[in-house]
């Protein structure tokens, strides 16, 4: 084999070798380009997006399950072009543009190439850019699942009007949740920092609270409404005792980052037979839901708000920005 041929089989990637270390724990490496197995496709990546779960895994918050082994190439939400298909692949061929979810166990998004499962990959039309598509999997699917499955909202505008609260609305999940909620018959109250209030209104929120004000911290609706559904997107915990007085009689809080306090509150509610519910949300990624989101972006009904773009060579800057927690929208890494 010639040196040139050998060189084409290596790719640039970013990985970490142990728990902890934050952005400085990321290492730039050259590793072999993966080979697609049965039911997989090989993608030349055009964009990957950061999610808080990426650095939470590095921090050891999900051990012993994730990552399954070290070294680990993180990032799960990607867009790119199919360059090779494994045995049995029916839906895609080389040259197709796609969006894929790589799963938390596999990761692999901070690289030039990655293998993706055909079952978690969808076509990306030319109207949807790589960055717009890459923003969708974890954040978009979480927002969609919270509103449609957990909250029972119809996104065609039908059904009884619901008052919805969305916390941390300027973050990755929050910005999709506001837009998707407004496709339903809803009144949306959102919380965010003062600098993002006008931005969240531009996404369709009916009223916006600055979370640092007394009213915002107490989640009190400016129009005096009680919330039928609260989609809790903030990583910093808001106690159940803050939500409870603001909920309607059968109100639900859907917590997308459930921790020990979530389970304690659920247990307490069960003991007191409360009709107000706290519901933990664990993402169940499905390609039909991802395809639905891509179509909404194509039709102009949903947009991926991009905070910043970083080259793969500066992936640690994107990582640090995600850890900082003040991004407005999605943080994108481009090979």
Protein backbone atom coordinates (compact mmCIF):
# COMPACT_ATOMS: atom_id res chain seq x y z
CA UNK A 1 0.00 0.00 0.00
CA UNK A 2 1.35 3.46 -0.90
CA UNK A 3 1.90 6.13 1.75
CA UNK A 4 -0.79 8.24 0.09
CA UNK A 5 -3.32 5.40 0.30
CA UNK A 6 -2.43 4.81 3.94
CA UNK A 7 -2.79 8.52 4.69
CA UNK A 8 -6.33 8.60 3.28
CA UNK A 9 -7.33 6.00 5.88
CA UNK A 10 -6.49 8.31 8.80
CA UNK A 11 -8.70 11.16 9.98
CA UNK A 12 -8.49 14.03 12.43
CA UNK A 13 -10.57 13.60 15.58
CA UNK A 14 -10.92 14.97 19.10
CA UNK A 15 -11.13 12.56 22.02
CA UNK A 16 -10.64 12.31 25.78
CA UNK A 17 -8.86 9.50 27.57
CA UNK A 18 -10.36 9.68 31.06
CA UNK A 19 -13.06 11.35 33.14
CA UNK A 20 -12.69 15.04 33.99
CA UNK A 21 -10.43 17.72 32.57
CA UNK A 22 -13.05 19.87 30.83
CA UNK A 23 -11.92 21.50 27.59
CA UNK A 24 -8.25 20.92 28.41
CA UNK A 25 -8.97 17.18 28.67
CA UNK A 26 -9.71 17.03 24.92
CA UNK A 27 -6.89 15.69 22.73
CA UNK A 28 -6.42 16.21 18.99
CA UNK A 29 -5.49 12.89 17.40
CA UNK A 30 -5.26 11.05 14.10
CA UNK A 31 -7.18 7.78 14.08
CA UNK A 32 -8.26 5.31 11.39
CA UNK A 33 -11.37 6.17 9.38
CA UNK A 34 -14.08 3.76 10.63
CA UNK A 35 -15.57 1.10 8.38
CA UNK A 36 -19.37 0.81 8.20
CA UNK A 37 -20.73 -2.48 9.53
CA UNK A 38 -24.02 -4.08 8.50
CA UNK A 39 -26.82 -1.50 8.63
CA UNK A 40 -24.37 1.41 8.96
CA UNK A 41 -23.27 4.25 6.71
CA UNK A 42 -19.97 6.14 6.66
CA UNK A 43 -20.39 9.91 6.73
CA UNK A 44 -18.00 12.67 5.78
CA UNK A 45 -19.00 15.17 8.44
CA UNK A 46 -19.99 18.76 7.66
CA UNK A 47 -21.25 19.79 11.11
CA UNK A 48 -21.60 18.46 14.65
CA UNK A 49 -23.29 20.16 17.57
CA UNK A 50 -22.48 20.32 21.28
CA UNK A 51 -24.99 19.26 23.91
CA UNK A 52 -24.61 19.58 27.70
CA UNK A 53 -24.80 15.78 27.93
CA UNK A 54 -21.42 15.59 26.12
CA UNK A 55 -19.46 17.31 28.88
CA UNK A 56 -21.62 15.75 31.60
CA UNK A 57 -20.46 12.33 30.37
CA UNK A 58 -16.83 13.52 30.42
CA UNK A 59 -17.39 14.79 33.97
CA UNK A 60 -18.43 11.28 35.05
CA UNK A 61 -22.10 12.18 35.61
CA UNK A 62 -23.27 9.10 33.67
CA UNK A 63 -20.71 6.52 34.78
CA UNK A 64 -20.53 3.55 34.63
CA UNK A 65 -22.75 3.53 31.53
CA UNK A 66 -21.17 6.26 29.39
CA UNK A 67 -18.73 6.30 27.85
CA UNK A 68 -18.52 2.50 27.53
CA UNK A 69 -14.73 2.75 27.06
CA UNK A 70 -11.82 5.16 26.74
CA UNK A 71 -10.57 6.86 24.65
CA UNK A 72 -13.93 8.37 23.65
CA UNK A 73 -14.68 10.66 20.70
CA UNK A 74 -17.70 12.71 21.88
CA UNK A 75 -20.70 14.34 20.12
CA UNK A 76 -23.80 12.59 18.84
CA UNK A 77 -25.62 15.11 16.62
CA UNK A 78 -24.20 15.41 13.12
CA UNK A 79 -24.86 16.26 9.49
CA UNK A 80 -22.78 15.18 6.54
CA UNK A 81 -22.53 13.31 3.26
CA UNK A 82 -22.73 9.55 2.79
CA UNK A 83 -19.44 8.22 1.36
CA UNK A 84 -19.91 4.47 1.85
CA UNK A 85 -22.71 2.13 2.91
CA UNK A 86 -22.51 -1.15 4.83
CA UNK A 87 -24.32 -4.37 3.97
CA UNK A 88 -28.10 -4.25 3.96
CA UNK A 89 -28.41 -0.45 3.79
CA UNK A 90 -31.51 0.39 1.74
CA UNK A 91 -32.34 4.06 2.27
CA UNK A 92 -29.03 5.78 1.45
CA UNK A 93 -26.30 5.82 -1.19
CA UNK A 94 -22.99 7.66 -1.53
CA UNK A 95 -23.53 11.37 -2.19
CA UNK A 96 -26.71 11.65 -0.08
CA UNK A 97 -26.84 14.51 2.44
CA UNK A 98 -28.11 13.42 5.84
CA UNK A 99 -28.66 14.23 9.52
CA UNK A 100 -27.83 11.52 12.05
CA UNK A 101 -27.98 10.76 15.77
CA UNK A 102 -24.98 8.67 16.82
CA UNK A 103 -26.16 7.61 20.34
CA UNK A 104 -24.45 8.46 23.62
CA UNK A 105 -22.66 5.10 23.77
CA UNK A 106 -21.04 5.50 20.36
CA UNK A 107 -20.49 9.25 20.00
CA UNK A 108 -17.90 9.99 17.31
CA UNK A 109 -19.09 13.41 16.08
CA UNK A 110 -15.89 15.38 16.75
CA UNK A 111 -14.10 13.90 13.73
CA UNK A 112 -13.86 14.14 9.95
CA UNK A 113 -15.71 10.86 9.38
CA UNK A 114 -18.09 8.74 11.45
CA UNK A 115 -20.27 5.65 11.04
CA UNK A 116 -23.98 6.08 11.74
CA UNK A 117 -26.83 3.60 12.01
CA UNK A 118 -29.16 3.73 9.02
CA UNK A 119 -32.08 3.51 11.49
CA UNK A 120 -31.12 6.82 13.18
CA UNK A 121 -30.27 8.73 9.98
CA UNK A 122 -32.61 10.86 7.86
CA UNK A 123 -32.30 12.66 4.52
CA UNK A 124 -31.39 16.35 4.61
CA UNK A 125 -32.93 18.43 1.80
CA UNK A 126 -30.90 21.30 0.24
CA UNK A 127 -33.08 23.87 2.04
CA UNK A 128 -31.66 22.68 5.40
CA UNK A 129 -27.99 23.56 5.99
CA UNK A 130 -25.61 21.11 7.69
CA UNK A 131 -25.47 23.30 10.82
CA UNK A 132 -29.28 23.61 10.97
CA UNK A 133 -29.64 19.84 10.63
CA UNK A 134 -26.91 18.96 13.13
CA UNK A 135 -28.64 21.07 15.79
CA UNK A 136 -31.75 18.92 15.73
CA UNK A 137 -31.21 15.41 17.15
CA UNK A 138 -30.87 15.61 20.96
CA UNK A 139 -32.26 19.13 21.52
CA UNK A 140 -35.04 19.03 18.91
CA UNK A 141 -36.13 15.47 19.69
CA UNK A 142 -36.17 16.20 23.44
CA UNK A 143 -38.37 19.27 22.92
CA UNK A 144 -40.67 17.34 20.58
CA UNK A 145 -40.99 14.35 22.94
CA UNK A 146 -41.64 16.61 25.93
CA UNK A 147 -44.45 18.50 24.19
CA UNK A 148 -46.14 15.74 22.19
CA UNK A 149 -45.65 12.53 24.19
CA UNK A 150 -45.20 13.72 27.77
CA UNK A 151 -47.53 16.73 27.54
CA UNK A 152 -49.96 15.42 24.89
CA UNK A 153 -49.86 18.60 22.80
CA UNK A 154 -51.07 18.52 19.18
CA UNK A 155 -48.73 20.52 16.95
CA UNK A 156 -51.43 21.18 14.34
CA UNK A 157 -53.21 23.80 16.48
CA UNK A 158 -56.10 21.49 17.41
CA UNK A 159 -57.29 20.71 20.93
CA UNK A 160 -57.97 22.82 23.98
CA UNK A 161 -55.73 25.85 24.55
CA UNK A 162 -52.87 25.09 26.97
CA UNK A 163 -50.73 27.44 29.03
CA UNK A 164 -47.12 26.35 28.76
CA UNK A 165 -44.03 27.42 30.68
CA UNK A 166 -40.57 26.81 29.19
CA UNK A 167 -37.55 27.44 31.44
CA UNK A 168 -34.09 28.26 30.01
CA UNK A 169 -35.76 29.10 26.71
CA UNK A 170 -32.62 30.48 25.06
CA UNK A 171 -30.73 27.18 25.40
CA UNK A 172 -30.58 24.35 22.89
CA UNK A 173 -33.77 22.52 23.92
CA UNK A 174 -35.61 25.66 25.02
CA UNK A 175 -35.44 27.48 21.69
CA UNK A 176 -36.92 24.45 19.89
CA UNK A 177 -39.55 23.98 22.63
CA UNK A 178 -40.81 27.57 22.25
CA UNK A 179 -41.14 27.24 18.47
CA UNK A 180 -42.74 23.79 18.56
CA UNK A 181 -45.15 24.79 21.34
CA UNK A 182 -46.39 27.71 19.22
CA UNK A 183 -47.37 25.26 16.46
CA UNK A 184 -49.98 24.02 18.94
CA UNK A 185 -52.95 25.85 20.48
CA UNK A 186 -50.91 27.42 23.28
CA UNK A 187 -50.00 30.46 25.31
CA UNK A 188 -46.25 30.26 25.97
CA UNK A 189 -44.45 31.83 28.93
CA UNK A 190 -40.67 31.49 28.77
CA UNK A 191 -37.77 32.25 31.10
CA UNK A 192 -34.29 33.41 30.06
CA UNK A 193 -31.64 36.02 30.89
CA UNK A 194 -32.40 39.71 30.34
CA UNK A 195 -30.23 39.93 27.19
CA UNK A 196 -32.31 37.26 25.42
CA UNK A 197 -35.84 38.50 26.17
CA UNK A 198 -36.44 40.08 22.73
CA UNK A 199 -34.88 37.08 20.99
CA UNK A 200 -37.25 34.65 22.76
CA UNK A 201 -40.21 36.87 21.87
CA UNK A 202 -39.06 36.70 18.24
CA UNK A 203 -39.32 32.88 18.41
CA UNK A 204 -43.00 33.27 19.31
CA UNK A 205 -43.17 33.32 23.12
CA UNK A 206 -46.22 35.27 24.34
CA UNK A 207 -44.54 36.47 27.53
CA UNK A 208 -40.96 36.24 28.75
CA UNK A 209 -39.58 36.34 32.30
CA UNK A 210 -36.07 37.40 33.28
CA UNK A 211 -35.10 34.53 35.58
CA UNK A 212 -33.00 36.85 37.76
CA UNK A 213 -35.96 39.04 38.80
CA UNK A 214 -38.12 38.03 41.82
CA UNK A 215 -41.10 37.29 39.50
CA UNK A 216 -38.88 35.30 37.14
CA UNK A 217 -37.29 33.29 39.94
CA UNK A 218 -40.79 32.54 41.27
CA UNK A 219 -41.99 31.62 37.72
CA UNK A 220 -45.04 33.88 38.08
CA UNK A 221 -46.89 34.47 34.80
CA UNK A 222 -47.15 38.22 34.03
CA UNK A 223 -50.74 37.64 32.90
CA UNK A 224 -51.61 35.63 36.02
CA UNK A 225 -51.98 32.29 34.24
CA UNK A 226 -51.50 28.88 35.80
CA UNK A 227 -49.44 26.49 33.69
CA UNK A 228 -50.90 23.26 32.32
CA UNK A 229 -47.41 22.16 31.25
CA UNK A 230 -43.96 23.31 32.32
CA UNK A 231 -41.02 22.08 30.22
CA UNK A 232 -38.08 22.43 32.58
CA UNK A 233 -34.95 22.86 30.43
CA UNK A 234 -32.66 24.56 32.95
CA UNK A 235 -29.75 22.42 34.13
CA UNK A 236 -29.67 24.35 37.40
CA UNK A 237 -32.47 22.89 39.48
CA UNK A 238 -35.67 24.80 40.23
CA UNK A 239 -37.32 23.09 43.20
CA UNK A 240 -40.74 21.46 42.86
CA UNK A 241 -41.98 23.86 45.55
CA UNK A 242 -41.42 26.77 43.11
CA UNK A 243 -43.33 25.10 40.27
CA UNK A 244 -46.24 23.72 42.32
CA UNK A 245 -48.17 26.96 43.16
CA UNK A 246 -47.91 28.06 39.50
CA UNK A 247 -49.49 24.90 38.06
CA UNK A 248 -53.12 24.36 37.10
CA UNK A 249 -55.03 21.64 39.00
CA UNK A 250 -53.67 18.85 36.75
CA UNK A 251 -50.49 20.65 35.76
CA UNK A 252 -47.35 18.73 34.76
CA UNK A 253 -43.68 19.63 35.03
CA UNK A 254 -41.60 17.76 32.46
CA UNK A 255 -37.99 17.67 33.64
CA UNK A 256 -35.55 17.01 30.78
CA UNK A 257 -32.53 16.62 33.13
CA UNK A 258 -33.94 14.59 36.05
CA UNK A 259 -31.67 14.29 39.08
CA UNK A 260 -32.06 12.91 42.64
CA UNK A 261 -34.34 15.81 43.68
CA UNK A 262 -36.69 14.97 40.77
CA UNK A 263 -37.18 11.40 42.00
CA UNK A 264 -37.65 12.61 45.59
CA UNK A 265 -40.40 15.02 44.48
CA UNK A 266 -42.10 12.28 42.44
CA UNK A 267 -42.10 10.01 45.50
CA UNK A 268 -43.57 12.79 47.65
CA UNK A 269 -46.32 13.50 45.08
CA UNK A 270 -47.21 9.81 44.96
CA UNK A 271 -47.55 9.70 48.75
CA UNK A 272 -49.78 12.81 48.85
CA UNK A 273 -51.94 11.74 45.84
CA UNK A 274 -51.25 15.10 44.19
CA UNK A 275 -52.88 15.62 40.78
CA UNK A 276 -49.96 17.88 39.89
CA UNK A 277 -47.22 15.78 38.36
CA UNK A 278 -43.46 15.88 37.93
CA UNK A 279 -42.49 13.79 34.91
CA UNK A 280 -38.86 12.84 34.16
CA UNK A 281 -38.08 12.75 30.45
CA UNK A 282 -35.61 10.26 29.02
CA UNK A 283 -35.05 10.76 25.29
CA UNK A 284 -36.14 7.93 23.01
CA UNK A 285 -34.68 8.86 19.62
CA UNK A 286 -36.74 7.80 16.59
CA UNK A 287 -35.89 8.50 12.96
CA UNK A 288 -39.50 9.39 12.06
CA UNK A 289 -39.45 12.16 14.67
CA UNK A 290 -36.09 13.45 13.40
CA UNK A 291 -37.46 13.38 9.85
CA UNK A 292 -40.50 15.39 11.03
CA UNK A 293 -38.21 18.06 12.53
CA UNK A 294 -36.09 18.27 9.36
CA UNK A 295 -39.29 18.78 7.33
CA UNK A 296 -40.41 21.59 9.69
CA UNK A 297 -37.06 23.33 9.14
CA UNK A 298 -37.43 22.88 5.37
CA UNK A 299 -40.94 24.40 5.52
CA UNK A 300 -39.73 27.38 7.57
CA UNK A 301 -41.84 26.41 10.61
CA UNK A 302 -38.80 25.68 12.81
CA UNK A 303 -35.31 27.13 12.85
CA UNK A 304 -32.08 26.12 14.49
CA UNK A 305 -30.70 29.18 16.24
CA UNK A 306 -26.91 29.02 16.03
CA UNK A 307 -24.89 30.55 18.85
CA UNK A 308 -21.46 30.06 17.29
CA UNK A 309 -19.42 27.97 14.86
CA UNK A 310 -15.97 26.54 15.62
CA UNK A 311 -13.52 24.58 13.44
CA UNK A 312 -12.66 21.04 14.59
CA UNK A 313 -9.14 22.35 15.32
CA UNK A 314 -10.70 24.60 18.00
CA UNK A 315 -13.24 22.08 19.35
CA UNK A 316 -12.10 22.86 22.92
CA UNK A 317 -13.50 26.42 22.50
CA UNK A 318 -16.93 24.95 21.65
CA UNK A 319 -16.62 22.55 24.60
CA UNK A 320 -15.76 25.38 27.02
CA UNK A 321 -18.65 27.49 25.70
CA UNK A 322 -21.08 24.63 26.31
CA UNK A 323 -19.79 24.11 29.86
CA UNK A 324 -20.14 27.86 30.51
CA UNK A 325 -23.90 27.44 29.95
CA UNK A 326 -24.70 30.85 28.47
CA UNK A 327 -24.91 30.00 24.78
CA UNK A 328 -27.94 31.33 22.90
CA UNK A 329 -28.93 28.41 20.70
CA UNK A 330 -26.66 25.70 19.35
CA UNK A 331 -22.85 25.51 19.36
CA UNK A 332 -21.59 24.03 16.09
CA UNK A 333 -18.27 22.35 15.26
CA UNK A 334 -17.26 22.08 11.61
CA UNK A 335 -14.46 19.74 10.39
